[in-house]
C-alpha atoms as a PDB file:
ATOM      1  CA  MET A   1       0.491 -15.548  58.652  1.00  0.00           C
ATOM      2  CA  SER A   2       3.983 -15.195  59.986  1.00  0.00           C
ATOM      3  CA  ASP A   3       3.208 -13.914  63.488  1.00  0.00           C
ATOM      4  CA  SER A   4       1.199 -15.813  66.072  1.00  0.00           C
ATOM      5  CA  TYR A   5      -2.440 -14.943  66.558  1.00  0.00           C
ATOM      6  CA  ARG A   6      -3.534 -13.252  69.797  1.00  0.00           C
ATOM      7  CA  PRO A   7      -7.310 -13.469  70.395  1.00  0.00           C
ATOM      8  CA  LEU A   8      -9.313 -10.434  71.462  1.00  0.00           C
ATOM      9  CA  ALA A   9     -10.747 -10.251  74.954  1.00  0.00           C
ATOM     10  CA  CYS A  10     -14.287 -11.659  74.993  1.00  0.00           C
ATOM     11  CA  ASP A  11     -15.856  -8.331  75.990  1.00  0.00           C
ATOM     12  CA  ARG A  12     -14.216  -6.671  72.939  1.00  0.00           C
ATOM     13  CA  HIS A  13     -15.190  -9.510  70.608  1.00  0.00           C
ATOM     14  CA  ASP A  14     -18.836  -8.947  71.620  1.00  0.00           C
ATOM     15  CA  TYR A  15     -18.796  -5.557  69.866  1.00  0.00           C
ATOM     16  CA  LEU A  16     -17.817  -7.236  66.608  1.00  0.00           C
ATOM     17  CA  GLU A  17     -20.716  -9.665  67.023  1.00  0.00           C
ATOM     18  CA  ILE A  18     -23.147  -6.780  67.635  1.00  0.00           C
ATOM     19  CA  ALA A  19     -21.835  -4.960  64.546  1.00  0.00           C
ATOM     20  CA  CYS A  20     -22.393  -8.080  62.429  1.00  0.00           C
ATOM     21  CA  LEU A  21     -25.824  -8.805  63.892  1.00  0.00           C
ATOM     22  CA  TYR A  22     -27.074  -5.344  62.924  1.00  0.00           C
ATOM     23  CA  GLY A  23     -24.968  -4.958  59.769  1.00  0.00           C
ATOM     24  CA  TYR A  24     -23.332  -1.757  61.024  1.00  0.00           C
ATOM     25  CA  ARG A  25     -21.156   0.349  58.772  1.00  0.00           C
ATOM     26  CA  LEU A  26     -17.817   0.670  60.522  1.00  0.00           C
ATOM     27  CA  ARG A  27     -14.671   2.707  60.347  1.00  0.00           C
ATOM     28  CA  ILE A  28     -12.018   0.119  61.162  1.00  0.00           C
ATOM     29  CA  GLU A  29      -8.603   1.221  62.403  1.00  0.00           C
ATOM     30  CA  LEU A  30      -5.846  -1.359  61.947  1.00  0.00           C
ATOM     31  CA  THR A  31      -2.783  -1.838  64.132  1.00  0.00           C
ATOM     32  CA  ASP A  32      -0.501  -0.763  61.250  1.00  0.00           C
ATOM     33  CA  GLY A  33      -2.077   2.726  61.317  1.00  0.00           C
ATOM     34  CA  SER A  34      -4.250   2.296  58.220  1.00  0.00           C
ATOM     35  CA  TRP A  35      -8.049   2.293  58.244  1.00  0.00           C
ATOM     36  CA  LEU A  36     -11.011   1.370  56.067  1.00  0.00           C
ATOM     37  CA  GLU A  37     -14.782   1.712  56.033  1.00  0.00           C
ATOM     38  CA  GLY A  38     -17.179  -1.130  55.369  1.00  0.00           C
ATOM     39  CA  ARG A  39     -20.233  -3.065  56.502  1.00  0.00           C
ATOM     40  CA  ALA A  40     -19.739  -5.763  59.138  1.00  0.00           C
ATOM     41  CA  LEU A  41     -20.917  -9.135  57.816  1.00  0.00           C
ATOM     42  CA  ASP A  42     -19.750 -11.961  60.069  1.00  0.00           C
ATOM     43  CA  THR A  43     -17.021 -13.320  62.327  1.00  0.00           C
ATOM     44  CA  ARG A  44     -15.338 -16.641  61.634  1.00  0.00           C
ATOM     45  CA  THR A  45     -12.752 -18.923  63.126  1.00  0.00           C
ATOM     46  CA  LEU A  46     -10.347 -20.310  60.537  1.00  0.00           C
ATOM     47  CA  PRO A  47      -8.998 -23.890  60.665  1.00  0.00           C
ATOM     48  CA  ASN A  48      -5.722 -22.537  62.133  1.00  0.00           C
ATOM     49  CA  LYS A  49      -7.789 -21.000  65.024  1.00  0.00           C
ATOM     50  CA  GLU A  50      -7.358 -17.383  63.871  1.00  0.00           C
ATOM     51  CA  GLU A  51     -10.517 -15.324  64.215  1.00  0.00           C
ATOM     52  CA  VAL A  52     -11.451 -12.927  61.423  1.00  0.00           C
ATOM     53  CA  LEU A  53     -14.026 -10.230  60.759  1.00  0.00           C
ATOM     54  CA  LEU A  54     -15.697 -10.329  57.352  1.00  0.00           C
ATOM     55  CA  VAL A  55     -16.432  -6.851  56.016  1.00  0.00           C
ATOM     56  CA  GLN A  56     -17.966  -5.655  52.776  1.00  0.00           C
ATOM     57  CA  VAL A  57     -15.775  -2.904  51.341  1.00  0.00           C
ATOM     58  CA  ALA A  58     -16.554  -1.325  47.949  1.00  0.00           C
ATOM     59  CA  GLY A  59     -18.598  -4.347  46.856  1.00  0.00           C
ATOM     60  CA  ALA A  60     -15.980  -6.940  47.847  1.00  0.00           C
ATOM     61  CA  THR A  61     -15.751  -9.065  50.980  1.00  0.00           C
ATOM     62  CA  ARG A  62     -12.546  -8.660  52.963  1.00  0.00           C
ATOM     63  CA  GLN A  63     -11.332 -10.894  55.742  1.00  0.00           C
ATOM     64  CA  LEU A  64      -9.556  -9.030  58.562  1.00  0.00           C
ATOM     65  CA  ARG A  65      -7.668 -10.856  61.278  1.00  0.00           C
ATOM     66  CA  GLN A  66      -9.181  -9.697  64.572  1.00  0.00           C
ATOM     67  CA  ASP A  67      -5.875  -9.180  66.364  1.00  0.00           C
ATOM     68  CA  ARG A  68      -4.968  -6.617  63.702  1.00  0.00           C
ATOM     69  CA  LEU A  69      -8.005  -4.458  64.506  1.00  0.00           C
ATOM     70  CA  ARG A  70      -7.068  -1.507  66.735  1.00  0.00           C
ATOM     71  CA  ALA A  71     -10.497   0.134  67.009  1.00  0.00           C
ATOM     72  CA  ILE A  72     -13.926   0.231  65.405  1.00  0.00           C
ATOM     73  CA  THR A  73     -16.347   3.138  65.166  1.00  0.00           C
ATOM     74  CA  SER A  74     -19.953   2.633  64.168  1.00  0.00           C
ATOM     75  CA  LEU A  75     -21.043   4.941  61.343  1.00  0.00           C
ATOM     76  CA  THR A  76     -24.635   3.682  61.475  1.00  0.00           C
ATOM     77  CA  PRO A  77     -27.091   6.198  62.999  1.00  0.00           C
ATOM     78  CA  GLY A  78     -28.599   4.972  66.279  1.00  0.00           C
ATOM     79  CA  ALA A  79     -25.946   2.285  66.756  1.00  0.00           C
ATOM     80  CA  ARG A  80     -25.524   0.695  70.184  1.00  0.00           C
ATOM     81  CA  PHE A  81     -21.899   1.868  70.447  1.00  0.00           C
ATOM     82  CA  GLY A  82     -19.565   4.586  69.161  1.00  0.00           C
ATOM     83  CA  ARG A  83     -15.781   4.124  69.069  1.00  0.00           C
ATOM     84  CA  ILE A  84     -14.452   0.977  70.722  1.00  0.00           C
ATOM     85  CA  GLU A  85     -10.743   0.323  71.206  1.00  0.00           C
ATOM     86  CA  LEU A  86     -10.039  -3.345  70.641  1.00  0.00           C
ATOM     87  CA  GLN A  87      -6.272  -3.148  71.247  1.00  0.00           C
ATOM     88  CA  SER A  88      -4.293  -0.621  73.248  1.00  0.00           C
END
């Protein structure tokens, strides 16, 4: 990636971990203004120290850099959170 990675605050990262733990369906808003819907699978740290969210979208696994996530909204009924802004 051409720009340097900026990690999320720990309290915001926790929401991604909860979403993965319970396999929540999420609406994910990206910092470029686009969005997608998918099921949270896992978080990972790449060898270059960038953290990513793995999401299943339309049967494929996508890897999203966490500092490019603007907000997440749980679409799963009874979820432990609603809309969470990850970046302002």
